[in-house]
Amino acid sequence: MEEVNYIKHLNGVFEQFSKDSRLNPTHISLYVALFQFWNTNYFKPEFFINRDEVMQYAKIGSKSTYHRCIKELHHWSYIVYTPSHNPFKGSRIKMFDFGTSTGQVVDQSQTKIGTSNGQAVVPINKHIQTLENQKNNNKPHDFKNLDFEDFENGSKQKASVPYRDNLKTKNHKNYNEPL
């Protein structure tokens, strides 16, 4: 088999997952566990798995959930699953390469699954930055020349939030008053 690009394959298969409404998190977890076993088997065209190990990697606690999900992944052409019914041999799995345009295509109407060899153009959505804050036009712009003694003497602040001494921290505090 040709060399599998780990990142391109995962990007391609996750793109497929996002388009497929039949999948649930258990299917994705199982696929990622199978992909990890495929990786440890040096991306051989076929490899054998142990159900208990795969269930542990995929964090699946129920055998019936495991069997339902692996059969559905097979039926939906994400993998080829051949059960062995032999606990000493394990089931046979064949994975498809989703990372290149020459790999297996789940949706036959598509011509490309993964990424191309060229640079990917990704749109960057940035917020439009303005010079002044639209919400708080009354905010003083020059903080250095702001006279804070006026606030203590009782004159009102021009900002949108009035100055309040909720903690009673002004200079002439009556220490007999509770906070």
C-alpha atoms as a PDB file:
ATOM      1  CA  MET A   1       0.000   0.000   0.000  1.00  0.00           C
ATOM      2  CA  GLU A   2       1.148   3.523  -0.656  1.00  0.00           C
ATOM      3  CA  GLU A   3       2.310   5.585   2.264  1.00  0.00           C
ATOM      4  CA  VAL A   4      -0.520   7.014   4.379  1.00  0.00           C
ATOM      5  CA  ASN A   5      -0.252  10.608   5.508  1.00  0.00           C
ATOM      6  CA  TYR A   6      -1.540  10.577   9.085  1.00  0.00           C
ATOM      7  CA  ILE A   7      -2.752  14.193   9.160  1.00  0.00           C
ATOM      8  CA  LYS A   8      -4.245  14.223   5.662  1.00  0.00           C
ATOM      9  CA  HIS A   9      -6.087  10.998   6.379  1.00  0.00           C
ATOM     10  CA  LEU A  10      -7.582  12.289   9.627  1.00  0.00           C
ATOM     11  CA  ASN A  11      -8.534  15.603   8.024  1.00  0.00           C
ATOM     12  CA  GLY A  12     -10.225  13.764   5.152  1.00  0.00           C
ATOM     13  CA  VAL A  13     -12.105  11.322   7.333  1.00  0.00           C
ATOM     14  CA  PHE A  14     -13.241  14.019   9.781  1.00  0.00           C
ATOM     15  CA  GLU A  15     -14.517  16.025   6.832  1.00  0.00           C
ATOM     16  CA  GLN A  16     -16.500  12.934   5.810  1.00  0.00           C
ATOM     17  CA  PHE A  17     -17.752  12.489   9.381  1.00  0.00           C
ATOM     18  CA  SER A  18     -19.030  16.056   9.485  1.00  0.00           C
ATOM     19  CA  LYS A  19     -21.143  15.418   6.377  1.00  0.00           C
ATOM     20  CA  ASP A  20     -22.554  12.084   7.595  1.00  0.00           C
ATOM     21  CA  SER A  21     -25.553  12.514   9.898  1.00  0.00           C
ATOM     22  CA  ARG A  22     -25.770   8.773  10.640  1.00  0.00           C
ATOM     23  CA  LEU A  23     -22.645   8.814  12.792  1.00  0.00           C
ATOM     24  CA  ASN A  24     -22.649   9.327  16.539  1.00  0.00           C
ATOM     25  CA  PRO A  25     -19.674   9.833  18.892  1.00  0.00           C
ATOM     26  CA  THR A  26     -19.328   6.086  19.444  1.00  0.00           C
ATOM     27  CA  HIS A  27     -18.797   5.486  15.713  1.00  0.00           C
ATOM     28  CA  ILE A  28     -16.139   8.185  15.600  1.00  0.00           C
ATOM     29  CA  SER A  29     -14.419   6.897  18.726  1.00  0.00           C
ATOM     30  CA  LEU A  30     -14.383   3.372  17.313  1.00  0.00           C
ATOM     31  CA  TYR A  31     -13.003   4.570  13.981  1.00  0.00           C
ATOM     32  CA  VAL A  32     -10.226   6.541  15.701  1.00  0.00           C
ATOM     33  CA  ALA A  33      -9.326   3.463  17.776  1.00  0.00           C
ATOM     34  CA  LEU A  34      -9.199   1.337  14.612  1.00  0.00           C
ATOM     35  CA  PHE A  35      -7.098   4.012  12.933  1.00  0.00           C
ATOM     36  CA  GLN A  36      -4.650   3.858  15.836  1.00  0.00           C
ATOM     37  CA  PHE A  37      -4.364   0.069  15.475  1.00  0.00           C
ATOM     38  CA  TRP A  38      -3.859   0.547  11.736  1.00  0.00           C
ATOM     39  CA  ASN A  39      -1.061   2.997  12.530  1.00  0.00           C
ATOM     40  CA  THR A  40       0.628   0.569  14.940  1.00  0.00           C
ATOM     41  CA  ASN A  41       0.419  -2.063  12.185  1.00  0.00           C
ATOM     42  CA  TYR A  42       2.363   0.275   9.856  1.00  0.00           C
ATOM     43  CA  PHE A  43      -0.709   0.942   7.690  1.00  0.00           C
ATOM     44  CA  LYS A  44      -0.847  -2.585   6.294  1.00  0.00           C
ATOM     45  CA  PRO A  45      -3.723  -3.188   3.857  1.00  0.00           C
ATOM     46  CA  GLU A  46      -5.325  -5.584   6.367  1.00  0.00           C
ATOM     47  CA  PHE A  47      -4.720  -6.259  10.033  1.00  0.00           C
ATOM     48  CA  PHE A  48      -6.297  -8.210  12.878  1.00  0.00           C
ATOM     49  CA  ILE A  49      -7.840  -6.739  16.009  1.00  0.00           C
ATOM     50  CA  ASN A  50      -8.803  -7.948  19.448  1.00  0.00           C
ATOM     51  CA  ARG A  51     -12.299  -6.790  20.425  1.00  0.00           C
ATOM     52  CA  ASP A  52     -11.399  -6.108  24.060  1.00  0.00           C
ATOM     53  CA  GLU A  53      -8.409  -3.945  23.136  1.00  0.00           C
ATOM     54  CA  VAL A  54     -10.398  -1.939  20.594  1.00  0.00           C
ATOM     55  CA  MET A  55     -13.246  -1.458  23.075  1.00  0.00           C
ATOM     56  CA  GLN A  56     -10.756  -0.209  25.651  1.00  0.00           C
ATOM     57  CA  TYR A  57      -9.151   2.254  23.180  1.00  0.00           C
ATOM     58  CA  ALA A  58     -12.558   3.478  21.989  1.00  0.00           C
ATOM     59  CA  LYS A  59     -13.964   3.710  25.542  1.00  0.00           C
ATOM     60  CA  ILE A  60     -16.889   1.476  24.621  1.00  0.00           C
ATOM     61  CA  GLY A  61     -18.266  -0.503  27.548  1.00  0.00           C
ATOM     62  CA  SER A  62     -20.918  -2.616  25.839  1.00  0.00           C
ATOM     63  CA  LYS A  63     -20.199  -5.480  23.445  1.00  0.00           C
ATOM     64  CA  SER A  64     -23.526  -4.944  21.705  1.00  0.00           C
ATOM     65  CA  THR A  65     -22.678  -1.252  21.092  1.00  0.00           C
ATOM     66  CA  TYR A  66     -19.256  -2.248  19.760  1.00  0.00           C
ATOM     67  CA  HIS A  67     -20.717  -4.837  17.365  1.00  0.00           C
ATOM     68  CA  ARG A  68     -23.491  -2.493  16.203  1.00  0.00           C
ATOM     69  CA  CYS A  69     -21.035   0.344  15.505  1.00  0.00           C
ATOM     70  CA  ILE A  70     -18.376  -1.749  13.765  1.00  0.00           C
ATOM     71  CA  LYS A  71     -21.006  -3.371  11.531  1.00  0.00           C
ATOM     72  CA  GLU A  72     -22.455   0.046  10.687  1.00  0.00           C
ATOM     73  CA  LEU A  73     -18.999   1.433   9.840  1.00  0.00           C
ATOM     74  CA  HIS A  74     -18.565  -1.577   7.546  1.00  0.00           C
ATOM     75  CA  HIS A  75     -22.021  -1.138   6.001  1.00  0.00           C
ATOM     76  CA  TRP A  76     -21.408   2.597   5.404  1.00  0.00           C
ATOM     77  CA  SER A  77     -18.033   1.787   3.700  1.00  0.00           C
ATOM     78  CA  TYR A  78     -15.728   3.425   6.202  1.00  0.00           C
ATOM     79  CA  ILE A  79     -13.977   0.081   6.820  1.00  0.00           C
ATOM     80  CA  VAL A  80     -14.141  -3.540   5.694  1.00  0.00           C
ATOM     81  CA  TYR A  81     -14.907  -5.720   8.702  1.00  0.00           C
ATOM     82  CA  THR A  82     -14.572  -9.492   8.527  1.00  0.00           C
ATOM     83  CA  PRO A  83     -15.448 -11.141  11.852  1.00  0.00           C
ATOM     84  CA  SER A  84     -13.409 -14.262  12.607  1.00  0.00           C
ATOM     85  CA  HIS A  85     -15.505 -15.819  15.398  1.00  0.00           C
ATOM     86  CA  ASN A  86     -12.151 -17.158  16.630  1.00  0.00           C
ATOM     87  CA  PRO A  87     -10.971 -15.566  19.898  1.00  0.00           C
ATOM     88  CA  PHE A  88      -7.353 -16.570  19.163  1.00  0.00           C
ATOM     89  CA  LYS A  89      -7.174 -14.931  15.745  1.00  0.00           C
ATOM     90  CA  GLY A  90      -9.281 -11.768  15.983  1.00  0.00           C
ATOM     91  CA  SER A  91     -11.343 -10.029  13.350  1.00  0.00           C
ATOM     92  CA  ARG A  92      -9.838  -8.746  10.125  1.00  0.00           C
ATOM     93  CA  ILE A  93     -10.040  -5.026   9.327  1.00  0.00           C
ATOM     94  CA  LYS A  94      -9.275  -3.209   6.105  1.00  0.00           C
ATOM     95  CA  MET A  95      -9.035   0.585   6.276  1.00  0.00           C
ATOM     96  CA  PHE A  96      -9.386   2.963   3.351  1.00  0.00           C
ATOM     97  CA  ASP A  97      -7.104   5.921   2.726  1.00  0.00           C
ATOM     98  CA  PHE A  98      -9.196   9.087   3.049  1.00  0.00           C
ATOM     99  CA  GLY A  99      -6.168  11.350   2.846  1.00  0.00           C
ATOM    100  CA  THR A 100      -5.642  11.453  -0.922  1.00  0.00           C
ATOM    101  CA  SER A 101      -7.814  11.691  -3.985  1.00  0.00           C
ATOM    102  CA  THR A 102      -6.720   8.176  -5.046  1.00  0.00           C
ATOM    103  CA  GLY A 103      -8.082   6.581  -1.847  1.00  0.00           C
ATOM    104  CA  GLN A 104     -11.471   5.072  -1.134  1.00  0.00           C
ATOM    105  CA  VAL A 105     -14.377   7.477  -1.543  1.00  0.00           C
ATOM    106  CA  VAL A 106     -17.423   6.864   0.657  1.00  0.00           C
ATOM    107  CA  ASP A 107     -19.710   9.136  -1.360  1.00  0.00           C
ATOM    108  CA  GLN A 108     -19.188   7.974  -4.929  1.00  0.00           C
ATOM    109  CA  SER A 109     -20.370  11.316  -6.350  1.00  0.00           C
ATOM    110  CA  GLN A 110     -17.328  13.054  -4.898  1.00  0.00           C
ATOM    111  CA  THR A 111     -14.006  13.055  -6.686  1.00  0.00           C
ATOM    112  CA  LYS A 112     -11.782  14.274  -3.828  1.00  0.00           C
ATOM    113  CA  ILE A 113     -11.905  13.485  -0.128  1.00  0.00           C
ATOM    114  CA  GLY A 114      -8.715  14.801   1.386  1.00  0.00           C
ATOM    115  CA  THR A 115      -6.539  17.793   0.932  1.00  0.00           C
ATOM    116  CA  SER A 116      -4.669  18.710  -2.211  1.00  0.00           C
ATOM    117  CA  ASN A 117      -0.922  19.013  -2.570  1.00  0.00           C
ATOM    118  CA  GLY A 118      -1.156  22.816  -2.832  1.00  0.00           C
ATOM    119  CA  GLN A 119      -1.510  25.458  -0.163  1.00  0.00           C
ATOM    120  CA  ALA A 120      -4.935  25.505   1.452  1.00  0.00           C
ATOM    121  CA  VAL A 121      -6.633  28.890   1.474  1.00  0.00           C
ATOM    122  CA  VAL A 122      -8.455  29.336   4.753  1.00  0.00           C
ATOM    123  CA  PRO A 123     -10.746  32.338   5.235  1.00  0.00           C
ATOM    124  CA  ILE A 124     -10.024  34.382   8.314  1.00  0.00           C
ATOM    125  CA  ASN A 125     -13.077  35.983   9.847  1.00  0.00           C
ATOM    126  CA  LYS A 126     -11.971  38.867  12.010  1.00  0.00           C
ATOM    127  CA  HIS A 127     -14.182  41.336  13.746  1.00  0.00           C
ATOM    128  CA  ILE A 128     -14.171  44.778  12.232  1.00  0.00           C
ATOM    129  CA  GLN A 129     -12.160  46.996  14.494  1.00  0.00           C
ATOM    130  CA  THR A 130     -13.311  50.578  14.875  1.00  0.00           C
ATOM    131  CA  LEU A 131     -11.468  53.525  16.351  1.00  0.00           C
ATOM    132  CA  GLU A 132     -14.144  54.385  18.868  1.00  0.00           C
ATOM    133  CA  ASN A 133     -16.308  52.277  21.088  1.00  0.00           C
ATOM    134  CA  GLN A 134     -19.891  52.427  19.834  1.00  0.00           C
ATOM    135  CA  LYS A 135     -21.512  51.404  23.113  1.00  0.00           C
ATOM    136  CA  ASN A 136     -19.887  53.868  25.520  1.00  0.00           C
ATOM    137  CA  ASN A 137     -19.524  57.259  23.850  1.00  0.00           C
ATOM    138  CA  ASN A 138     -19.639  59.119  27.186  1.00  0.00           C
ATOM    139  CA  LYS A 139     -16.435  57.511  28.425  1.00  0.00           C
ATOM    140  CA  PRO A 140     -13.659  60.040  29.103  1.00  0.00           C
ATOM    141  CA  HIS A 141     -10.789  59.654  26.668  1.00  0.00           C
ATOM    142  CA  ASP A 142      -8.051  61.420  28.613  1.00  0.00           C
ATOM    143  CA  PHE A 143      -7.517  59.578  31.894  1.00  0.00           C
ATOM    144  CA  LYS A 144      -4.399  61.514  32.863  1.00  0.00           C
ATOM    145  CA  ASN A 145      -6.227  64.830  33.163  1.00  0.00           C
ATOM    146  CA  LEU A 146      -9.257  63.351  34.907  1.00  0.00           C
ATOM    147  CA  ASP A 147      -9.876  64.996  38.271  1.00  0.00           C
ATOM    148  CA  PHE A 148     -10.689  62.212  40.727  1.00  0.00           C
ATOM    149  CA  GLU A 149     -11.161  64.611  43.639  1.00  0.00           C
ATOM    150  CA  ASP A 150     -14.356  65.833  41.995  1.00  0.00           C
ATOM    151  CA  PHE A 151     -15.761  62.322  42.372  1.00  0.00           C
ATOM    152  CA  GLU A 152     -14.997  62.254  46.074  1.00  0.00           C
ATOM    153  CA  ASN A 153     -16.577  65.659  46.626  1.00  0.00           C
ATOM    154  CA  GLY A 154     -19.883  64.503  45.177  1.00  0.00           C
ATOM    155  CA  SER A 155     -19.847  65.655  41.569  1.00  0.00           C
ATOM    156  CA  LYS A 156     -21.288  63.073  39.209  1.00  0.00           C
ATOM    157  CA  GLN A 157     -19.225  61.115  36.757  1.00  0.00           C
ATOM    158  CA  LYS A 158     -20.005  61.622  33.066  1.00  0.00           C
ATOM    159  CA  ALA A 159     -19.520  57.938  32.188  1.00  0.00           C
ATOM    160  CA  SER A 160     -22.417  55.588  31.580  1.00  0.00           C
ATOM    161  CA  VAL A 161     -21.954  53.884  34.974  1.00  0.00           C
ATOM    162  CA  PRO A 162     -22.409  56.277  37.892  1.00  0.00           C
ATOM    163  CA  TYR A 163     -19.717  56.407  40.555  1.00  0.00           C
ATOM    164  CA  ARG A 164     -20.822  54.629  43.708  1.00  0.00           C
ATOM    165  CA  ASP A 165     -18.937  54.127  46.906  1.00  0.00           C
ATOM    166  CA  ASN A 166     -20.524  50.780  47.769  1.00  0.00           C
ATOM    167  CA  LEU A 167     -17.658  49.769  50.030  1.00  0.00           C
ATOM    168  CA  LYS A 168     -17.627  53.199  51.676  1.00  0.00           C
ATOM    169  CA  THR A 169     -13.963  53.793  51.064  1.00  0.00           C
ATOM    170  CA  LYS A 170     -14.106  57.614  50.908  1.00  0.00           C
ATOM    171  CA  ASN A 171     -11.831  59.704  53.166  1.00  0.00           C
ATOM    172  CA  HIS A 172     -14.464  60.779  55.699  1.00  0.00           C
ATOM    173  CA  LYS A 173     -15.666  57.327  56.651  1.00  0.00           C
ATOM    174  CA  ASN A 174     -17.786  56.756  59.719  1.00  0.00           C
ATOM    175  CA  TYR A 175     -16.274  53.602  61.218  1.00  0.00           C
ATOM    176  CA  ASN A 176     -19.391  53.038  63.328  1.00  0.00           C
ATOM    177  CA  GLU A 177     -21.411  52.292  60.131  1.00  0.00           C
ATOM    178  CA  PRO A 178     -21.482  48.718  58.868  1.00  0.00           C
ATOM    179  CA  LEU A 179     -20.173  48.035  55.406  1.00  0.00           C
END
